Amino acid sequence: MTAVVLKVFNNVFYIFDEIYLENSDTYKMANELKLRKYNGTLIPDSTGKARKTSGKSDHEILKEAGFRIPHVTNPFVTDRVNNVNRLFTDNRIIINPRCKKLIADLEKVVWKDNKLDQKTNPMLTHISDAMGYAMWHLDPIGIKKTKATISNYR
């Protein structure tokens, strides 16, 4: 169970904290976020909408804990990774050095057989995935955000 905590300022993502809970669940993550005094919007993996054995989805648990959950969809893995790489290339992601798990994950995750290698070390990719989902939701590659306009057709 992982999370990154960030703020966006002047179109730059400042990641200033991380949460990495081994052998955990959504209830414990919600409690840890509240313990650290975090509130607001969470951008979870969209698969958290699925019902779990508790009878509630992960998204429902987080909403009941007081967090806002926007409608999210998971991009293709390659799109998510390319998006993060684009933001790094554009110097739009700044990670606080205390986010040691995230930094180590980004340094160690590799491609193998044309996909992310999650078998060599199954502890890798979780926290960088969390960052990637946030980046995709907040600034997806190839999707231009424009204001709606009204045109008169004659």
N, C-alpha and C. Protein backbone atom coordinates (compact mmCIF):
# COMPACT_ATOMS: atom_id res chain seq x y z
N MET A 1 0.87 -1.16 0.00
CA MET A 1 0.00 0.00 0.00
C MET A 1 0.91 1.22 0.00
N THR A 2 0.82 2.02 -1.06
CA THR A 2 1.72 3.16 -1.20
C THR A 2 0.96 4.42 -1.58
N ALA A 3 1.59 5.56 -1.27
CA ALA A 3 1.03 6.85 -1.66
C ALA A 3 2.17 7.86 -1.77
N VAL A 4 2.00 8.82 -2.67
CA VAL A 4 2.88 9.98 -2.71
C VAL A 4 2.00 11.20 -2.44
N VAL A 5 2.58 12.18 -1.77
CA VAL A 5 1.84 13.38 -1.42
C VAL A 5 2.50 14.54 -2.16
N LEU A 6 1.68 15.29 -2.89
CA LEU A 6 2.24 16.33 -3.73
C LEU A 6 1.36 17.56 -3.77
N LYS A 7 1.99 18.64 -4.20
CA LYS A 7 1.31 19.90 -4.49
C LYS A 7 1.73 20.32 -5.88
N VAL A 8 0.86 21.04 -6.56
CA VAL A 8 1.17 21.58 -7.88
C VAL A 8 1.25 23.09 -7.74
N PHE A 9 2.38 23.65 -8.20
CA PHE A 9 2.57 25.09 -8.14
C PHE A 9 3.28 25.51 -9.42
N ASN A 10 2.70 26.48 -10.13
CA ASN A 10 3.27 26.96 -11.40
C ASN A 10 3.53 25.80 -12.37
N ASN A 11 2.59 24.87 -12.42
CA ASN A 11 2.66 23.75 -13.37
C ASN A 11 3.80 22.78 -13.08
N VAL A 12 4.33 22.80 -11.85
CA VAL A 12 5.38 21.88 -11.42
C VAL A 12 4.82 21.05 -10.28
N PHE A 13 5.13 19.76 -10.29
CA PHE A 13 4.67 18.82 -9.26
C PHE A 13 5.76 18.69 -8.20
N TYR A 14 5.42 19.08 -6.97
CA TYR A 14 6.35 18.98 -5.85
C TYR A 14 5.91 17.80 -4.98
N ILE A 15 6.67 16.73 -5.01
CA ILE A 15 6.36 15.56 -4.20
C ILE A 15 7.15 15.71 -2.91
N PHE A 16 6.42 15.86 -1.80
CA PHE A 16 7.10 16.17 -0.54
C PHE A 16 6.96 15.09 0.52
N ASP A 17 6.19 14.05 0.26
CA ASP A 17 6.10 12.97 1.23
C ASP A 17 5.68 11.70 0.53
N GLU A 18 5.95 10.58 1.18
CA GLU A 18 5.57 9.27 0.67
C GLU A 18 5.08 8.43 1.84
N ILE A 19 4.22 7.49 1.50
CA ILE A 19 3.76 6.52 2.50
C ILE A 19 3.91 5.14 1.87
N TYR A 20 4.56 4.27 2.59
CA TYR A 20 4.83 2.91 2.10
C TYR A 20 4.51 1.96 3.24
N LEU A 21 3.37 1.29 3.15
CA LEU A 21 2.92 0.39 4.21
C LEU A 21 2.92 -1.05 3.69
N GLU A 22 3.84 -1.85 4.19
CA GLU A 22 3.90 -3.25 3.76
C GLU A 22 2.80 -4.05 4.46
N ASN A 23 2.28 -5.05 3.76
CA ASN A 23 1.24 -5.94 4.31
C ASN A 23 0.12 -5.14 4.94
N SER A 24 -0.43 -4.22 4.19
CA SER A 24 -1.41 -3.29 4.72
C SER A 24 -2.71 -3.37 3.94
N ASP A 25 -3.63 -2.47 4.26
CA ASP A 25 -4.90 -2.40 3.55
C ASP A 25 -5.35 -0.94 3.47
N THR A 26 -6.46 -0.72 2.83
CA THR A 26 -6.96 0.63 2.59
C THR A 26 -7.33 1.35 3.88
N TYR A 27 -7.87 0.63 4.84
CA TYR A 27 -8.21 1.25 6.12
C TYR A 27 -6.96 1.81 6.80
N LYS A 28 -5.88 1.04 6.78
CA LYS A 28 -4.63 1.49 7.41
C LYS A 28 -4.04 2.68 6.65
N MET A 29 -4.15 2.67 5.33
CA MET A 29 -3.65 3.81 4.55
C MET A 29 -4.44 5.06 4.88
N ALA A 30 -5.76 4.96 4.94
CA ALA A 30 -6.59 6.11 5.28
C ALA A 30 -6.22 6.64 6.66
N ASN A 31 -6.01 5.74 7.61
CA ASN A 31 -5.62 6.16 8.96
C ASN A 31 -4.26 6.85 8.96
N GLU A 32 -3.30 6.33 8.19
CA GLU A 32 -1.97 6.94 8.12
C GLU A 32 -2.03 8.33 7.50
N LEU A 33 -2.82 8.49 6.45
CA LEU A 33 -2.98 9.80 5.83
C LEU A 33 -3.56 10.80 6.83
N LYS A 34 -4.56 10.37 7.58
CA LYS A 34 -5.19 11.26 8.57
C LYS A 34 -4.23 11.56 9.72
N LEU A 35 -3.45 10.54 10.14
CA LEU A 35 -2.46 10.73 11.20
C LEU A 35 -1.44 11.80 10.81
N ARG A 36 -1.09 11.84 9.53
CA ARG A 36 -0.14 12.84 9.03
C ARG A 36 -0.82 14.15 8.67
N LYS A 37 -2.10 14.25 8.99
CA LYS A 37 -2.88 15.48 8.78
C LYS A 37 -3.11 15.83 7.31
N TYR A 38 -3.13 14.81 6.45
CA TYR A 38 -3.42 15.05 5.05
C TYR A 38 -4.92 14.92 4.82
N ASN A 39 -5.44 15.76 3.93
CA ASN A 39 -6.85 15.68 3.56
C ASN A 39 -6.97 16.14 2.12
N GLY A 40 -8.14 16.09 1.60
CA GLY A 40 -8.34 16.59 0.24
C GLY A 40 -8.59 15.47 -0.74
N THR A 41 -8.00 15.61 -1.92
CA THR A 41 -8.26 14.70 -3.02
C THR A 41 -7.20 13.62 -3.11
N LEU A 42 -7.65 12.39 -3.27
CA LEU A 42 -6.76 11.26 -3.52
C LEU A 42 -6.99 10.79 -4.94
N ILE A 43 -5.92 10.41 -5.60
CA ILE A 43 -6.01 9.88 -6.96
C ILE A 43 -5.56 8.42 -6.92
N PRO A 44 -6.49 7.52 -6.69
CA PRO A 44 -6.11 6.11 -6.55
C PRO A 44 -6.10 5.38 -7.89
N ASP A 45 -5.58 4.18 -7.84
CA ASP A 45 -5.66 3.25 -8.96
C ASP A 45 -7.16 3.01 -9.22
N SER A 46 -7.57 3.07 -10.47
CA SER A 46 -9.00 2.93 -10.78
C SER A 46 -9.55 1.55 -10.42
N THR A 47 -8.69 0.55 -10.29
CA THR A 47 -9.18 -0.79 -9.93
C THR A 47 -9.73 -0.81 -8.51
N GLY A 48 -9.47 0.24 -7.74
CA GLY A 48 -10.01 0.32 -6.39
C GLY A 48 -11.52 0.50 -6.34
N LYS A 49 -12.14 0.70 -7.52
CA LYS A 49 -13.60 0.79 -7.57
C LYS A 49 -14.25 -0.58 -7.40
N ALA A 50 -13.47 -1.64 -7.64
CA ALA A 50 -14.01 -3.00 -7.56
C ALA A 50 -14.35 -3.35 -6.11
N ARG A 51 -15.37 -4.12 -5.94
CA ARG A 51 -15.74 -4.56 -4.58
C ARG A 51 -14.67 -5.50 -4.04
N LYS A 52 -14.45 -5.42 -2.75
CA LYS A 52 -13.48 -6.28 -2.07
C LYS A 52 -14.24 -7.18 -1.10
N THR A 53 -13.51 -8.07 -0.45
CA THR A 53 -14.14 -9.02 0.48
C THR A 53 -14.81 -8.32 1.65
N SER A 54 -14.39 -7.08 1.96
CA SER A 54 -15.00 -6.35 3.07
C SER A 54 -16.41 -5.89 2.71
N GLY A 55 -16.79 -6.02 1.43
CA GLY A 55 -18.09 -5.56 0.99
C GLY A 55 -18.07 -4.13 0.49
N LYS A 56 -16.95 -3.43 0.70
CA LYS A 56 -16.80 -2.05 0.25
C LYS A 56 -15.61 -1.99 -0.68
N SER A 57 -15.69 -1.09 -1.64
CA SER A 57 -14.53 -0.89 -2.51
C SER A 57 -13.51 -0.01 -1.79
N ASP A 58 -12.28 -0.04 -2.27
CA ASP A 58 -11.25 0.82 -1.71
C ASP A 58 -11.66 2.29 -1.83
N HIS A 59 -12.27 2.64 -2.94
CA HIS A 59 -12.71 4.03 -3.14
C HIS A 59 -13.77 4.41 -2.10
N GLU A 60 -14.69 3.51 -1.82
CA GLU A 60 -15.72 3.80 -0.82
C GLU A 60 -15.11 3.98 0.56
N ILE A 61 -14.13 3.16 0.90
CA ILE A 61 -13.45 3.27 2.19
C ILE A 61 -12.79 4.63 2.32
N LEU A 62 -12.11 5.06 1.26
CA LEU A 62 -11.42 6.35 1.29
C LEU A 62 -12.41 7.52 1.37
N LYS A 63 -13.52 7.41 0.66
CA LYS A 63 -14.54 8.46 0.73
C LYS A 63 -15.12 8.55 2.14
N GLU A 64 -15.40 7.40 2.75
CA GLU A 64 -15.93 7.39 4.11
C GLU A 64 -14.94 7.99 5.11
N ALA A 65 -13.65 7.92 4.79
CA ALA A 65 -12.62 8.51 5.65
C ALA A 65 -12.50 10.01 5.44
N GLY A 66 -13.29 10.56 4.49
CA GLY A 66 -13.33 12.00 4.30
C GLY A 66 -12.54 12.53 3.11
N PHE A 67 -12.01 11.63 2.28
CA PHE A 67 -11.23 12.07 1.12
C PHE A 67 -12.11 12.18 -0.11
N ARG A 68 -11.76 13.09 -1.00
CA ARG A 68 -12.44 13.20 -2.29
C ARG A 68 -11.73 12.30 -3.28
N ILE A 69 -12.52 11.55 -4.04
CA ILE A 69 -11.98 10.64 -5.05
C ILE A 69 -12.58 11.04 -6.39
N PRO A 70 -11.78 11.60 -7.30
CA PRO A 70 -12.32 11.96 -8.61
C PRO A 70 -12.51 10.70 -9.45
N HIS A 71 -13.26 10.85 -10.52
CA HIS A 71 -13.37 9.73 -11.46
C HIS A 71 -12.00 9.52 -12.08
N VAL A 72 -11.48 8.32 -11.97
CA VAL A 72 -10.16 8.02 -12.52
C VAL A 72 -10.22 6.81 -13.44
N THR A 73 -9.37 6.83 -14.43
CA THR A 73 -9.19 5.67 -15.30
C THR A 73 -7.69 5.42 -15.40
N ASN A 74 -7.33 4.16 -15.46
CA ASN A 74 -5.91 3.82 -15.59
C ASN A 74 -5.50 3.90 -17.05
N PRO A 75 -4.41 4.60 -17.31
CA PRO A 75 -3.88 4.61 -18.68
C PRO A 75 -3.13 3.31 -18.95
N PHE A 76 -2.78 3.09 -20.20
CA PHE A 76 -1.89 1.98 -20.50
C PHE A 76 -0.57 2.24 -19.78
N VAL A 77 0.11 1.19 -19.35
CA VAL A 77 1.35 1.33 -18.61
C VAL A 77 2.37 2.16 -19.39
N THR A 78 2.52 1.88 -20.68
CA THR A 78 3.50 2.63 -21.47
C THR A 78 3.14 4.11 -21.54
N ASP A 79 1.86 4.42 -21.62
CA ASP A 79 1.44 5.83 -21.64
C ASP A 79 1.77 6.50 -20.31
N ARG A 80 1.51 5.80 -19.21
CA ARG A 80 1.79 6.36 -17.89
C ARG A 80 3.29 6.62 -17.72
N VAL A 81 4.11 5.65 -18.10
CA VAL A 81 5.56 5.80 -17.97
C VAL A 81 6.07 6.91 -18.89
N ASN A 82 5.59 6.95 -20.11
CA ASN A 82 6.00 8.02 -21.03
C ASN A 82 5.59 9.39 -20.50
N ASN A 83 4.43 9.46 -19.87
CA ASN A 83 3.97 10.72 -19.29
C ASN A 83 4.90 11.18 -18.18
N VAL A 84 5.26 10.28 -17.29
CA VAL A 84 6.18 10.62 -16.20
C VAL A 84 7.53 11.04 -16.78
N ASN A 85 8.03 10.31 -17.76
CA ASN A 85 9.31 10.67 -18.38
C ASN A 85 9.25 12.05 -19.02
N ARG A 86 8.12 12.37 -19.66
CA ARG A 86 7.93 13.70 -20.26
C ARG A 86 8.01 14.78 -19.19
N LEU A 87 7.35 14.56 -18.08
CA LEU A 87 7.35 15.56 -17.00
C LEU A 87 8.74 15.71 -16.39
N PHE A 88 9.48 14.61 -16.25
CA PHE A 88 10.86 14.71 -15.77
C PHE A 88 11.72 15.47 -16.78
N THR A 89 11.57 15.15 -18.05
CA THR A 89 12.35 15.82 -19.10
C THR A 89 12.09 17.32 -19.11
N ASP A 90 10.84 17.70 -18.84
CA ASP A 90 10.47 19.12 -18.81
C ASP A 90 10.75 19.77 -17.45
N ASN A 91 11.44 19.04 -16.56
CA ASN A 91 11.75 19.54 -15.21
C ASN A 91 10.50 19.97 -14.45
N ARG A 92 9.45 19.17 -14.57
CA ARG A 92 8.18 19.51 -13.93
C ARG A 92 7.86 18.61 -12.74
N ILE A 93 8.80 17.76 -12.34
CA ILE A 93 8.63 16.94 -11.13
C ILE A 93 9.84 17.19 -10.23
N ILE A 94 9.56 17.60 -9.01
CA ILE A 94 10.61 17.78 -8.01
C ILE A 94 10.26 16.90 -6.82
N ILE A 95 11.19 16.03 -6.45
CA ILE A 95 10.95 15.06 -5.37
C ILE A 95 11.84 15.42 -4.19
N ASN A 96 11.23 15.59 -3.03
CA ASN A 96 11.97 15.85 -1.81
C ASN A 96 12.88 14.67 -1.51
N PRO A 97 14.14 14.91 -1.15
CA PRO A 97 15.08 13.82 -0.88
C PRO A 97 14.64 12.85 0.21
N ARG A 98 13.71 13.27 1.07
CA ARG A 98 13.25 12.34 2.12
C ARG A 98 12.35 11.24 1.56
N CYS A 99 11.92 11.35 0.30
CA CYS A 99 11.08 10.33 -0.34
C CYS A 99 11.98 9.21 -0.88
N LYS A 100 12.65 8.55 0.02
CA LYS A 100 13.69 7.57 -0.33
C LYS A 100 13.14 6.36 -1.08
N LYS A 101 11.97 5.87 -0.69
CA LYS A 101 11.38 4.70 -1.37
C LYS A 101 11.04 5.04 -2.82
N LEU A 102 10.45 6.21 -3.03
CA LEU A 102 10.09 6.63 -4.38
C LEU A 102 11.34 6.80 -5.24
N ILE A 103 12.34 7.48 -4.71
CA ILE A 103 13.56 7.70 -5.47
C ILE A 103 14.23 6.37 -5.82
N ALA A 104 14.32 5.48 -4.85
CA ALA A 104 14.92 4.16 -5.11
C ALA A 104 14.12 3.39 -6.15
N ASP A 105 12.81 3.47 -6.06
CA ASP A 105 11.95 2.77 -7.02
C ASP A 105 12.19 3.29 -8.43
N LEU A 106 12.22 4.60 -8.58
CA LEU A 106 12.45 5.19 -9.90
C LEU A 106 13.82 4.82 -10.46
N GLU A 107 14.80 4.66 -9.58
CA GLU A 107 16.15 4.31 -10.02
C GLU A 107 16.27 2.82 -10.40
N LYS A 108 15.46 1.97 -9.79
CA LYS A 108 15.63 0.52 -9.96
C LYS A 108 14.65 -0.13 -10.93
N VAL A 109 13.50 0.47 -11.16
CA VAL A 109 12.51 -0.15 -12.05
C VAL A 109 13.05 -0.17 -13.48
N VAL A 110 12.91 -1.31 -14.13
CA VAL A 110 13.42 -1.46 -15.50
C VAL A 110 12.37 -2.11 -16.39
N TRP A 111 12.57 -1.97 -17.69
CA TRP A 111 11.75 -2.65 -18.68
C TRP A 111 12.39 -4.00 -18.98
N LYS A 112 11.57 -5.01 -19.11
CA LYS A 112 12.05 -6.34 -19.47
C LYS A 112 10.97 -6.99 -20.33
N ASP A 113 11.36 -7.53 -21.45
CA ASP A 113 10.39 -8.15 -22.37
C ASP A 113 9.28 -7.18 -22.76
N ASN A 114 9.66 -5.92 -23.00
CA ASN A 114 8.76 -4.87 -23.46
C ASN A 114 7.66 -4.50 -22.46
N LYS A 115 7.94 -4.66 -21.16
CA LYS A 115 7.00 -4.24 -20.12
C LYS A 115 7.77 -3.97 -18.84
N LEU A 116 7.11 -3.35 -17.87
CA LEU A 116 7.75 -3.11 -16.59
C LEU A 116 8.05 -4.44 -15.91
N ASP A 117 9.26 -4.58 -15.39
CA ASP A 117 9.66 -5.82 -14.72
C ASP A 117 9.15 -5.78 -13.28
N GLN A 118 8.10 -6.55 -13.01
CA GLN A 118 7.55 -6.64 -11.67
C GLN A 118 7.83 -7.99 -11.03
N LYS A 119 8.59 -8.83 -11.71
CA LYS A 119 8.87 -10.18 -11.20
C LYS A 119 10.22 -10.27 -10.50
N THR A 120 11.25 -9.59 -11.03
CA THR A 120 12.58 -9.67 -10.43
C THR A 120 12.55 -9.21 -8.98
N ASN A 121 11.88 -8.10 -8.72
CA ASN A 121 11.70 -7.62 -7.35
C ASN A 121 10.25 -7.16 -7.21
N PRO A 122 9.38 -8.02 -6.65
CA PRO A 122 7.95 -7.67 -6.57
C PRO A 122 7.63 -6.47 -5.68
N MET A 123 8.62 -5.99 -4.92
CA MET A 123 8.38 -4.81 -4.08
C MET A 123 8.51 -3.52 -4.90
N LEU A 124 9.08 -3.63 -6.10
CA LEU A 124 9.25 -2.44 -6.94
C LEU A 124 7.99 -2.13 -7.74
N THR A 125 7.91 -0.96 -8.21
CA THR A 125 6.90 -0.33 -9.08
C THR A 125 5.68 0.20 -8.34
N HIS A 126 5.42 -0.22 -7.12
CA HIS A 126 4.19 0.20 -6.46
C HIS A 126 4.15 1.71 -6.20
N ILE A 127 5.21 2.24 -5.63
CA ILE A 127 5.17 3.67 -5.29
C ILE A 127 5.36 4.55 -6.52
N SER A 128 6.14 4.08 -7.50
CA SER A 128 6.25 4.87 -8.72
C SER A 128 4.95 4.80 -9.53
N ASP A 129 4.23 3.69 -9.43
CA ASP A 129 2.89 3.61 -10.04
C ASP A 129 1.97 4.66 -9.42
N ALA A 130 2.03 4.79 -8.08
CA ALA A 130 1.18 5.77 -7.39
C ALA A 130 1.47 7.17 -7.92
N MET A 131 2.75 7.49 -8.08
CA MET A 131 3.11 8.79 -8.63
C MET A 131 2.60 8.93 -10.06
N GLY A 132 2.76 7.88 -10.85
CA GLY A 132 2.34 7.91 -12.25
C GLY A 132 0.84 8.11 -12.42
N TYR A 133 0.04 7.50 -11.56
CA TYR A 133 -1.42 7.69 -11.64
C TYR A 133 -1.77 9.16 -11.37
N ALA A 134 -1.12 9.76 -10.38
CA ALA A 134 -1.38 11.17 -10.08
C ALA A 134 -0.99 12.06 -11.26
N MET A 135 0.19 11.81 -11.81
CA MET A 135 0.66 12.62 -12.94
C MET A 135 -0.29 12.47 -14.14
N TRP A 136 -0.76 11.26 -14.39
CA TRP A 136 -1.67 11.03 -15.51
C TRP A 136 -2.98 11.79 -15.30
N HIS A 137 -3.51 11.72 -14.10
CA HIS A 137 -4.78 12.38 -13.83
C HIS A 137 -4.65 13.91 -13.92
N LEU A 138 -3.55 14.43 -13.42
CA LEU A 138 -3.38 15.89 -13.35
C LEU A 138 -2.84 16.51 -14.63
N ASP A 139 -2.04 15.75 -15.40
CA ASP A 139 -1.45 16.30 -16.62
C ASP A 139 -1.14 15.17 -17.60
N PRO A 140 -2.16 14.59 -18.21
CA PRO A 140 -1.93 13.45 -19.11
C PRO A 140 -1.26 13.83 -20.42
N ILE A 141 -0.49 12.95 -20.92
CA ILE A 141 0.21 13.16 -22.19
C ILE A 141 -0.79 13.17 -23.34
N GLY A 142 -0.61 14.09 -24.24
CA GLY A 142 -1.41 14.08 -25.47
C GLY A 142 -2.84 14.54 -25.35
N ILE A 143 -3.26 14.97 -24.17
CA ILE A 143 -4.64 15.43 -24.00
C ILE A 143 -4.59 16.91 -23.66
N LYS A 144 -5.07 17.72 -24.54
CA LYS A 144 -5.07 19.16 -24.33
C LYS A 144 -6.34 19.57 -23.59
N LYS A 145 -6.16 20.31 -22.52
CA LYS A 145 -7.31 20.82 -21.77
C LYS A 145 -7.67 22.18 -22.35
N THR A 146 -8.87 22.30 -22.88
CA THR A 146 -9.30 23.56 -23.47
C THR A 146 -10.63 23.97 -22.85
N LYS A 147 -10.91 25.24 -22.93
CA LYS A 147 -12.17 25.75 -22.45
C LYS A 147 -13.23 25.50 -23.52
N ALA A 148 -14.42 25.23 -23.09
CA ALA A 148 -15.52 25.04 -24.03
C ALA A 148 -15.87 26.40 -24.66
N THR A 149 -16.17 26.38 -25.93
CA THR A 149 -16.57 27.61 -26.60
C THR A 149 -17.87 27.37 -27.33
N ILE A 150 -18.54 28.46 -27.59
CA ILE A 150 -19.80 28.39 -28.35
C ILE A 150 -19.55 29.09 -29.66
N SER A 151 -19.90 28.42 -30.73
CA SER A 151 -19.71 29.00 -32.07
C SER A 151 -21.08 29.20 -32.72
N ASN A 152 -21.17 30.25 -33.50
CA ASN A 152 -22.36 30.48 -34.30
C ASN A 152 -22.10 29.96 -35.70
N TYR A 153 -22.96 29.08 -36.16
CA TYR A 153 -22.83 28.55 -37.52
C TYR A 153 -23.90 29.18 -38.38
N ARG A 154 -23.52 29.62 -39.59
CA ARG A 154 -24.50 30.22 -40.50
C ARG A 154 -24.71 29.34 -41.69
